[in-house]
Amino acid sequence: MQYILKDIGMGENIKKLRSARGLTQNQLVEKVQLMGSSMSRETLAQIETGRRNIKASDLKVLKIVLNATYDELFEG
């Protein structure tokens, strides 16, 4: 399993994009789980607050679900 180490505020960017799309954490997690991710709401909360690194595969799914670019996710 490959993780992306936190050296920028990616979690903050994910939270900002999620909020801009009008999604709760639960709604976003439901959508990523439908695409095969095992991410839980607790995991998303920890990613958004910078307490947990994100799996590369989950980042890819979030990019699709949030209709975001990698530039938006990595903005820092």
PDB file of N, CA and C in Angstrom:
ATOM      1  N   MET A   1       0.840  -1.159   0.000  1.00  0.00           N
ATOM      2  CA  MET A   1       0.000   0.000   0.000  1.00  0.00           C
ATOM      3  C   MET A   1       0.891   1.230   0.000  1.00  0.00           C
ATOM      4  N   GLN A   2       0.569   2.172  -0.840  1.00  0.00           N
ATOM      5  CA  GLN A   2       1.376   3.378  -0.969  1.00  0.00           C
ATOM      6  C   GLN A   2       0.618   4.570  -0.405  1.00  0.00           C
ATOM      7  N   TYR A   3       1.286   5.321   0.456  1.00  0.00           N
ATOM      8  CA  TYR A   3       0.703   6.522   1.037  1.00  0.00           C
ATOM      9  C   TYR A   3       1.459   7.743   0.550  1.00  0.00           C
ATOM     10  N   ILE A   4       0.755   8.842   0.503  1.00  0.00           N
ATOM     11  CA  ILE A   4       1.374  10.113   0.170  1.00  0.00           C
ATOM     12  C   ILE A   4       1.641  10.826   1.489  1.00  0.00           C
ATOM     13  N   LEU A   5       2.894  11.156   1.734  1.00  0.00           N
ATOM     14  CA  LEU A   5       3.246  11.813   2.980  1.00  0.00           C
ATOM     15  C   LEU A   5       2.841  13.274   2.952  1.00  0.00           C
ATOM     16  N   LYS A   6       2.383  13.748   4.080  1.00  0.00           N
ATOM     17  CA  LYS A   6       1.887  15.112   4.181  1.00  0.00           C
ATOM     18  C   LYS A   6       3.048  16.095   4.308  1.00  0.00           C
ATOM     19  N   ASP A   7       3.177  16.959   3.323  1.00  0.00           N
ATOM     20  CA  ASP A   7       4.120  18.063   3.453  1.00  0.00           C
ATOM     21  C   ASP A   7       3.481  19.361   2.984  1.00  0.00           C
ATOM     22  N   ILE A   8       2.221  19.291   2.564  1.00  0.00           N
ATOM     23  CA  ILE A   8       1.419  20.475   2.256  1.00  0.00           C
ATOM     24  C   ILE A   8       0.042  20.257   2.868  1.00  0.00           C
ATOM     25  N   GLY A   9      -0.769  21.263   2.872  1.00  0.00           N
ATOM     26  CA  GLY A   9      -2.087  21.172   3.482  1.00  0.00           C
ATOM     27  C   GLY A   9      -3.118  20.498   2.600  1.00  0.00           C
ATOM     28  N   MET A  10      -2.834  19.300   2.129  1.00  0.00           N
ATOM     29  CA  MET A  10      -3.754  18.601   1.232  1.00  0.00           C
ATOM     30  C   MET A  10      -5.100  18.349   1.898  1.00  0.00           C
ATOM     31  N   GLY A  11      -5.089  17.999   3.174  1.00  0.00           N
ATOM     32  CA  GLY A  11      -6.343  17.757   3.881  1.00  0.00           C
ATOM     33  C   GLY A  11      -7.232  18.982   3.886  1.00  0.00           C
ATOM     34  N   GLU A  12      -6.611  20.127   4.091  1.00  0.00           N
ATOM     35  CA  GLU A  12      -7.362  21.387   4.052  1.00  0.00           C
ATOM     36  C   GLU A  12      -7.954  21.619   2.668  1.00  0.00           C
ATOM     37  N   ASN A  13      -7.190  21.270   1.629  1.00  0.00           N
ATOM     38  CA  ASN A  13      -7.684  21.424   0.267  1.00  0.00           C
ATOM     39  C   ASN A  13      -8.873  20.486   0.008  1.00  0.00           C
ATOM     40  N   ILE A  14      -8.787  19.261   0.501  1.00  0.00           N
ATOM     41  CA  ILE A  14      -9.889  18.307   0.335  1.00  0.00           C
ATOM     42  C   ILE A  14     -11.138  18.831   1.031  1.00  0.00           C
ATOM     43  N   LYS A  15     -10.966  19.341   2.247  1.00  0.00           N
ATOM     44  CA  LYS A  15     -12.104  19.878   2.993  1.00  0.00           C
ATOM     45  C   LYS A  15     -12.725  21.061   2.260  1.00  0.00           C
ATOM     46  N   LYS A  16     -11.883  21.944   1.746  1.00  0.00           N
ATOM     47  CA  LYS A  16     -12.370  23.118   1.019  1.00  0.00           C
ATOM     48  C   LYS A  16     -13.158  22.694  -0.222  1.00  0.00           C
ATOM     49  N   LEU A  17     -12.624  21.730  -0.972  1.00  0.00           N
ATOM     50  CA  LEU A  17     -13.318  21.249  -2.172  1.00  0.00           C
ATOM     51  C   LEU A  17     -14.625  20.552  -1.813  1.00  0.00           C
ATOM     52  N   ARG A  18     -14.600  19.739  -0.756  1.00  0.00           N
ATOM     53  CA  ARG A  18     -15.814  19.042  -0.316  1.00  0.00           C
ATOM     54  C   ARG A  18     -16.894  20.048   0.062  1.00  0.00           C
ATOM     55  N   SER A  19     -16.512  21.046   0.831  1.00  0.00           N
ATOM     56  CA  SER A  19     -17.473  22.082   1.254  1.00  0.00           C
ATOM     57  C   SER A  19     -18.005  22.868   0.067  1.00  0.00           C
ATOM     58  N   ALA A  20     -17.122  23.184  -0.875  1.00  0.00           N
ATOM     59  CA  ALA A  20     -17.540  23.935  -2.064  1.00  0.00           C
ATOM     60  C   ALA A  20     -18.531  23.139  -2.912  1.00  0.00           C
ATOM     61  N   ARG A  21     -18.445  21.811  -2.824  1.00  0.00           N
ATOM     62  CA  ARG A  21     -19.370  20.955  -3.578  1.00  0.00           C
ATOM     63  C   ARG A  21     -20.653  20.671  -2.787  1.00  0.00           C
ATOM     64  N   GLY A  22     -20.736  21.226  -1.583  1.00  0.00           N
ATOM     65  CA  GLY A  22     -21.925  21.064  -0.756  1.00  0.00           C
ATOM     66  C   GLY A  22     -22.086  19.664  -0.174  1.00  0.00           C
ATOM     67  N   LEU A  23     -20.956  18.973   0.053  1.00  0.00           N
ATOM     68  CA  LEU A  23     -20.998  17.601   0.559  1.00  0.00           C
ATOM     69  C   LEU A  23     -20.576  17.551   2.026  1.00  0.00           C
ATOM     70  N   THR A  24     -21.273  16.720   2.794  1.00  0.00           N
ATOM     71  CA  THR A  24     -20.824  16.421   4.146  1.00  0.00           C
ATOM     72  C   THR A  24     -19.748  15.350   4.049  1.00  0.00           C
ATOM     73  N   GLN A  25     -19.062  15.120   5.156  1.00  0.00           N
ATOM     74  CA  GLN A  25     -18.079  14.038   5.168  1.00  0.00           C
ATOM     75  C   GLN A  25     -18.752  12.703   4.862  1.00  0.00           C
ATOM     76  N   ASN A  26     -19.913  12.463   5.457  1.00  0.00           N
ATOM     77  CA  ASN A  26     -20.623  11.201   5.209  1.00  0.00           C
ATOM     78  C   ASN A  26     -20.997  11.043   3.743  1.00  0.00           C
ATOM     79  N   GLN A  27     -21.478  12.103   3.126  1.00  0.00           N
ATOM     80  CA  GLN A  27     -21.859  12.031   1.714  1.00  0.00           C
ATOM     81  C   GLN A  27     -20.655  11.742   0.831  1.00  0.00           C
ATOM     82  N   LEU A  28     -19.532  12.398   1.113  1.00  0.00           N
ATOM     83  CA  LEU A  28     -18.329  12.159   0.316  1.00  0.00           C
ATOM     84  C   LEU A  28     -17.840  10.733   0.494  1.00  0.00           C
ATOM     85  N   VAL A  29     -17.836  10.250   1.718  1.00  0.00           N
ATOM     86  CA  VAL A  29     -17.383   8.879   1.984  1.00  0.00           C
ATOM     87  C   VAL A  29     -18.281   7.871   1.260  1.00  0.00           C
ATOM     88  N   GLU A  30     -19.585   8.099   1.255  1.00  0.00           N
ATOM     89  CA  GLU A  30     -20.497   7.201   0.538  1.00  0.00           C
ATOM     90  C   GLU A  30     -20.133   7.138  -0.939  1.00  0.00           C
ATOM     91  N   LYS A  31     -19.823   8.280  -1.523  1.00  0.00           N
ATOM     92  CA  LYS A  31     -19.481   8.321  -2.947  1.00  0.00           C
ATOM     93  C   LYS A  31     -18.153   7.607  -3.237  1.00  0.00           C
ATOM     94  N   VAL A  32     -17.158   7.804  -2.382  1.00  0.00           N
ATOM     95  CA  VAL A  32     -15.872   7.145  -2.646  1.00  0.00           C
ATOM     96  C   VAL A  32     -15.967   5.642  -2.385  1.00  0.00           C
ATOM     97  N   GLN A  33     -16.810   5.244  -1.439  1.00  0.00           N
ATOM     98  CA  GLN A  33     -16.999   3.820  -1.195  1.00  0.00           C
ATOM     99  C   GLN A  33     -17.680   3.147  -2.386  1.00  0.00           C
ATOM    100  N   LEU A  34     -18.581   3.841  -3.054  1.00  0.00           N
ATOM    101  CA  LEU A  34     -19.222   3.300  -4.252  1.00  0.00           C
ATOM    102  C   LEU A  34     -18.216   3.064  -5.374  1.00  0.00           C
ATOM    103  N   MET A  35     -17.089   3.760  -5.306  1.00  0.00           N
ATOM    104  CA  MET A  35     -16.037   3.602  -6.318  1.00  0.00           C
ATOM    105  C   MET A  35     -14.957   2.627  -5.859  1.00  0.00           C
ATOM    106  N   GLY A  36     -15.215   1.906  -4.758  1.00  0.00           N
ATOM    107  CA  GLY A  36     -14.306   0.856  -4.340  1.00  0.00           C
ATOM    108  C   GLY A  36     -13.375   1.180  -3.199  1.00  0.00           C
ATOM    109  N   SER A  37     -13.440   2.388  -2.677  1.00  0.00           N
ATOM    110  CA  SER A  37     -12.586   2.763  -1.556  1.00  0.00           C
ATOM    111  C   SER A  37     -13.157   2.199  -0.261  1.00  0.00           C
ATOM    112  N   SER A  38     -12.287   1.913   0.684  1.00  0.00           N
ATOM    113  CA  SER A  38     -12.731   1.463   2.003  1.00  0.00           C
ATOM    114  C   SER A  38     -12.647   2.594   3.033  1.00  0.00           C
ATOM    115  N   MET A  39     -12.501   3.826   2.572  1.00  0.00           N
ATOM    116  CA  MET A  39     -12.357   4.980   3.451  1.00  0.00           C
ATOM    117  C   MET A  39     -13.593   5.128   4.345  1.00  0.00           C
ATOM    118  N   SER A  40     -13.351   5.407   5.606  1.00  0.00           N
ATOM    119  CA  SER A  40     -14.443   5.668   6.547  1.00  0.00           C
ATOM    120  C   SER A  40     -14.546   7.179   6.785  1.00  0.00           C
ATOM    121  N   ARG A  41     -15.622   7.597   7.424  1.00  0.00           N
ATOM    122  CA  ARG A  41     -15.780   9.007   7.726  1.00  0.00           C
ATOM    123  C   ARG A  41     -14.697   9.451   8.709  1.00  0.00           C
ATOM    124  N   GLU A  42     -14.366   8.584   9.640  1.00  0.00           N
ATOM    125  CA  GLU A  42     -13.303   8.899  10.599  1.00  0.00           C
ATOM    126  C   GLU A  42     -11.965   9.098   9.891  1.00  0.00           C
ATOM    127  N   THR A  43     -11.670   8.245   8.919  1.00  0.00           N
ATOM    128  CA  THR A  43     -10.431   8.386   8.154  1.00  0.00           C
ATOM    129  C   THR A  43     -10.423   9.711   7.400  1.00  0.00           C
ATOM    130  N   LEU A  44     -11.539  10.053   6.761  1.00  0.00           N
ATOM    131  CA  LEU A  44     -11.617  11.328   6.037  1.00  0.00           C
ATOM    132  C   LEU A  44     -11.402  12.490   6.994  1.00  0.00           C
ATOM    133  N   ALA A  45     -12.022  12.440   8.163  1.00  0.00           N
ATOM    134  CA  ALA A  45     -11.855  13.518   9.143  1.00  0.00           C
ATOM    135  C   ALA A  45     -10.392  13.655   9.543  1.00  0.00           C
ATOM    136  N   GLN A  46      -9.707  12.539   9.732  1.00  0.00           N
ATOM    137  CA  GLN A  46      -8.290  12.587  10.107  1.00  0.00           C
ATOM    138  C   GLN A  46      -7.433  13.122   8.966  1.00  0.00           C
ATOM    139  N   ILE A  47      -7.778  12.790   7.726  1.00  0.00           N
ATOM    140  CA  ILE A  47      -7.048  13.319   6.568  1.00  0.00           C
ATOM    141  C   ILE A  47      -7.252  14.833   6.486  1.00  0.00           C
ATOM    142  N   GLU A  48      -8.512  15.267   6.634  1.00  0.00           N
ATOM    143  CA  GLU A  48      -8.811  16.694   6.525  1.00  0.00           C
ATOM    144  C   GLU A  48      -8.121  17.526   7.608  1.00  0.00           C
ATOM    145  N   THR A  49      -7.904  16.928   8.768  1.00  0.00           N
ATOM    146  CA  THR A  49      -7.258  17.672   9.854  1.00  0.00           C
ATOM    147  C   THR A  49      -5.748  17.463   9.888  1.00  0.00           C
ATOM    148  N   GLY A  50      -5.214  16.704   8.937  1.00  0.00           N
ATOM    149  CA  GLY A  50      -3.778  16.513   8.842  1.00  0.00           C
ATOM    150  C   GLY A  50      -3.210  15.494   9.815  1.00  0.00           C
ATOM    151  N   ARG A  51      -4.066  14.705  10.443  1.00  0.00           N
ATOM    152  CA  ARG A  51      -3.590  13.700  11.395  1.00  0.00           C
ATOM    153  C   ARG A  51      -3.330  12.347  10.736  1.00  0.00           C
ATOM    154  N   ARG A  52      -3.635  12.228   9.456  1.00  0.00           N
ATOM    155  CA  ARG A  52      -3.451  10.956   8.770  1.00  0.00           C
ATOM    156  C   ARG A  52      -3.051  11.216   7.327  1.00  0.00           C
ATOM    157  N   ASN A  53      -2.163  10.368   6.824  1.00  0.00           N
ATOM    158  CA  ASN A  53      -1.792  10.435   5.414  1.00  0.00           C
ATOM    159  C   ASN A  53      -2.865   9.758   4.573  1.00  0.00           C
ATOM    160  N   ILE A  54      -2.890  10.084   3.302  1.00  0.00           N
ATOM    161  CA  ILE A  54      -3.899   9.541   2.410  1.00  0.00           C
ATOM    162  C   ILE A  54      -3.271   8.503   1.486  1.00  0.00           C
ATOM    163  N   LYS A  55      -4.020   7.441   1.223  1.00  0.00           N
ATOM    164  CA  LYS A  55      -3.552   6.446   0.267  1.00  0.00           C
ATOM    165  C   LYS A  55      -3.642   7.048  -1.141  1.00  0.00           C
ATOM    166  N   ALA A  56      -2.687   6.716  -1.975  1.00  0.00           N
ATOM    167  CA  ALA A  56      -2.670   7.227  -3.354  1.00  0.00           C
ATOM    168  C   ALA A  56      -3.958   6.841  -4.086  1.00  0.00           C
ATOM    169  N   SER A  57      -4.443   5.624  -3.864  1.00  0.00           N
ATOM    170  CA  SER A  57      -5.671   5.182  -4.535  1.00  0.00           C
ATOM    171  C   SER A  57      -6.874   5.999  -4.073  1.00  0.00           C
ATOM    172  N   ASP A  58      -6.914   6.371  -2.787  1.00  0.00           N
ATOM    173  CA  ASP A  58      -8.021   7.201  -2.297  1.00  0.00           C
ATOM    174  C   ASP A  58      -7.931   8.615  -2.846  1.00  0.00           C
ATOM    175  N   LEU A  59      -6.720   9.120  -3.014  1.00  0.00           N
ATOM    176  CA  LEU A  59      -6.556  10.446  -3.604  1.00  0.00           C
ATOM    177  C   LEU A  59      -7.104  10.469  -5.025  1.00  0.00           C
ATOM    178  N   LYS A  60      -6.819   9.416  -5.764  1.00  0.00           N
ATOM    179  CA  LYS A  60      -7.312   9.317  -7.146  1.00  0.00           C
ATOM    180  C   LYS A  60      -8.842   9.307  -7.171  1.00  0.00           C
ATOM    181  N   VAL A  61      -9.459   8.542  -6.265  1.00  0.00           N
ATOM    182  CA  VAL A  61     -10.919   8.473  -6.210  1.00  0.00           C
ATOM    183  C   VAL A  61     -11.504   9.820  -5.784  1.00  0.00           C
ATOM    184  N   LEU A  62     -10.894  10.463  -4.802  1.00  0.00           N
ATOM    185  CA  LEU A  62     -11.381  11.778  -4.374  1.00  0.00           C
ATOM    186  C   LEU A  62     -11.309  12.789  -5.510  1.00  0.00           C
ATOM    187  N   LYS A  63     -10.248  12.727  -6.288  1.00  0.00           N
ATOM    188  CA  LYS A  63     -10.106  13.629  -7.444  1.00  0.00           C
ATOM    189  C   LYS A  63     -11.298  13.478  -8.386  1.00  0.00           C
ATOM    190  N   ILE A  64     -11.684  12.235  -8.629  1.00  0.00           N
ATOM    191  CA  ILE A  64     -12.808  11.960  -9.537  1.00  0.00           C
ATOM    192  C   ILE A  64     -14.127  12.416  -8.917  1.00  0.00           C
ATOM    193  N   VAL A  65     -14.376  12.005  -7.682  1.00  0.00           N
ATOM    194  CA  VAL A  65     -15.648  12.316  -7.022  1.00  0.00           C
ATOM    195  C   VAL A  65     -15.824  13.816  -6.830  1.00  0.00           C
ATOM    196  N   LEU A  66     -14.754  14.514  -6.485  1.00  0.00           N
ATOM    197  CA  LEU A  66     -14.837  15.957  -6.273  1.00  0.00           C
ATOM    198  C   LEU A  66     -14.725  16.755  -7.570  1.00  0.00           C
ATOM    199  N   ASN A  67     -14.505  16.037  -8.682  1.00  0.00           N
ATOM    200  CA  ASN A  67     -14.340  16.696  -9.975  1.00  0.00           C
ATOM    201  C   ASN A  67     -13.279  17.795  -9.862  1.00  0.00           C
ATOM    202  N   ALA A  68     -12.144  17.405  -9.302  1.00  0.00           N
ATOM    203  CA  ALA A  68     -11.060  18.341  -9.035  1.00  0.00           C
ATOM    204  C   ALA A  68      -9.830  17.973  -9.850  1.00  0.00           C
ATOM    205  N   THR A  69      -8.927  18.899  -9.954  1.00  0.00           N
ATOM    206  CA  THR A  69      -7.646  18.632 -10.598  1.00  0.00           C
ATOM    207  C   THR A  69      -6.623  18.309  -9.512  1.00  0.00           C
ATOM    208  N   TYR A  70      -5.538  17.676  -9.908  1.00  0.00           N
ATOM    209  CA  TYR A  70      -4.473  17.438  -8.935  1.00  0.00           C
ATOM    210  C   TYR A  70      -3.898  18.765  -8.447  1.00  0.00           C
ATOM    211  N   ASP A  71      -3.877  19.768  -9.298  1.00  0.00           N
ATOM    212  CA  ASP A  71      -3.399  21.083  -8.875  1.00  0.00           C
ATOM    213  C   ASP A  71      -4.225  21.609  -7.707  1.00  0.00           C
ATOM    214  N   GLU A  72      -5.554  21.421  -7.768  1.00  0.00           N
ATOM    215  CA  GLU A  72      -6.422  21.885  -6.679  1.00  0.00           C
ATOM    216  C   GLU A  72      -6.153  21.098  -5.394  1.00  0.00           C
ATOM    217  N   LEU A  73      -5.914  19.803  -5.543  1.00  0.00           N
ATOM    218  CA  LEU A  73      -5.660  18.962  -4.370  1.00  0.00           C
ATOM    219  C   LEU A  73      -4.308  19.261  -3.735  1.00  0.00           C
ATOM    220  N   PHE A  74      -3.311  19.591  -4.568  1.00  0.00           N
ATOM    221  CA  PHE A  74      -1.955  19.824  -4.066  1.00  0.00           C
ATOM    222  C   PHE A  74      -1.641  21.305  -3.841  1.00  0.00           C
ATOM    223  N   GLU A  75      -2.620  22.161  -4.065  1.00  0.00           N
ATOM    224  CA  GLU A  75      -2.407  23.600  -3.912  1.00  0.00           C
ATOM    225  C   GLU A  75      -1.870  23.886  -2.520  1.00  0.00           C
ATOM    226  N   GLY A  76      -0.863  24.679  -2.444  1.00  0.00           N
ATOM    227  CA  GLY A  76      -0.326  24.924  -1.122  1.00  0.00           C
ATOM    228  C   GLY A  76       0.505  26.103  -1.096  1.00  0.00           C
TER     229      GLY A  76
END
